[in-house]
Amino acid sequence: MAASSKFIDTQKGEWAALAYPIEIVTESGLNKYQIAAGGDLQEASRIRLDARAKGFPDAFIAAYQNGARISMDEAKKLLSLE
């Protein structure tokens, strides 16, 4: 959703319009604000569209495995195996 070296109050502005819990992950001095969608790509796609409609035009889907970011192609392969 966003990355910033400063704290963002996710209870105000366009953030308050989101119906999903926001996770804050700190990496390399940046606070990364994201929504966890579990392992469901369709749900992640719906959330991305909703976030874009609510003021986050650059919202995108990022995939993680065991805490490490992976490519979407790798994520799709892993999901098809389950």
Protein backbone atom coordinates (compact mmCIF):
# COMPACT_ATOMS: atom_id res chain seq x y z
CA MET A 1 0.00 0.00 0.00
CA ALA A 2 2.76 2.40 0.97
CA ALA A 3 6.29 2.68 2.32
CA SER A 4 7.62 5.51 4.45
CA SER A 5 10.43 6.27 6.85
CA LYS A 6 7.84 8.12 8.95
CA PHE A 7 4.83 6.70 10.77
CA ILE A 8 1.51 6.85 8.88
CA ASP A 9 -1.68 7.01 10.91
CA THR A 10 -3.78 4.30 9.26
CA GLN A 11 -6.88 5.40 11.19
CA LYS A 12 -7.19 8.63 9.18
CA GLY A 13 -7.82 9.73 5.61
CA GLU A 14 -8.11 7.16 2.84
CA TRP A 15 -6.62 4.55 5.18
CA ALA A 16 -9.76 4.68 7.35
CA ALA A 17 -11.87 3.71 4.32
CA LEU A 18 -10.13 0.35 4.01
CA ALA A 19 -12.03 -2.56 5.54
CA TYR A 20 -8.90 -4.67 6.03
CA PRO A 21 -6.33 -4.78 8.81
CA ILE A 22 -3.08 -3.06 7.86
CA GLU A 23 0.20 -4.79 8.66
CA ILE A 24 3.33 -2.73 9.16
CA VAL A 25 6.61 -4.43 8.26
CA THR A 26 9.89 -2.58 8.78
CA GLU A 27 12.62 -3.32 6.23
CA SER A 28 15.77 -1.32 5.57
CA GLY A 29 14.52 1.61 7.65
CA LEU A 30 11.17 1.82 5.87
CA ASN A 31 7.76 1.09 7.32
CA LYS A 32 5.89 -0.92 4.70
CA TYR A 33 2.12 -0.80 5.04
CA GLN A 34 0.36 -3.81 3.57
CA ILE A 35 -2.78 -5.92 3.73
CA ALA A 36 -2.42 -9.67 4.21
CA ALA A 37 -4.77 -11.67 1.99
CA GLY A 38 -3.66 -15.15 2.97
CA GLY A 39 -2.96 -17.61 0.19
CA ASP A 40 -5.86 -16.75 -2.08
CA LEU A 41 -4.93 -14.90 -5.27
CA GLN A 42 -8.57 -14.12 -6.12
CA GLU A 43 -9.07 -12.50 -2.71
CA ALA A 44 -5.84 -10.55 -3.14
CA SER A 45 -7.05 -9.32 -6.54
CA ARG A 46 -10.39 -8.18 -5.05
CA ILE A 47 -8.59 -6.37 -2.24
CA ARG A 48 -6.23 -4.67 -4.72
CA LEU A 49 -9.17 -3.41 -6.80
CA ASP A 50 -10.97 -2.18 -3.68
CA ALA A 51 -7.84 -0.40 -2.44
CA ARG A 52 -7.37 1.28 -5.83
CA ALA A 53 -10.98 2.46 -5.76
CA LYS A 54 -10.46 3.91 -2.27
CA GLY A 55 -7.50 6.13 -3.05
CA PHE A 56 -4.52 3.78 -3.52
CA PRO A 57 -4.02 3.75 -7.31
CA ASP A 58 -0.62 2.06 -7.05
CA ALA A 59 -1.81 -0.88 -4.93
CA PHE A 60 -0.28 -4.16 -6.10
CA ILE A 61 -0.03 -7.79 -5.03
CA ALA A 62 3.18 -9.06 -3.47
CA ALA A 63 3.73 -12.72 -2.69
CA TYR A 64 5.70 -14.08 0.26
CA GLN A 65 6.84 -17.56 1.26
CA ASN A 66 8.21 -18.15 4.74
CA GLY A 67 8.62 -14.40 5.22
CA ALA A 68 10.62 -13.86 2.01
CA ARG A 69 9.20 -12.10 -1.02
CA ILE A 70 8.83 -14.28 -4.12
CA SER A 71 7.77 -13.60 -7.70
CA MET A 72 4.12 -13.84 -8.68
CA ASP A 73 4.99 -16.63 -11.13
CA GLU A 74 6.53 -18.64 -8.29
CA ALA A 75 3.51 -17.93 -6.07
CA LYS A 76 1.11 -19.08 -8.78
CA LYS A 77 3.06 -22.31 -9.18
CA LEU A 78 2.99 -22.92 -5.43
CA LEU A 79 -0.75 -22.22 -5.24
CA SER A 80 -1.50 -24.62 -8.09
CA LEU A 81 0.25 -27.41 -6.19
CA GLU A 82 -1.98 -27.05 -3.14
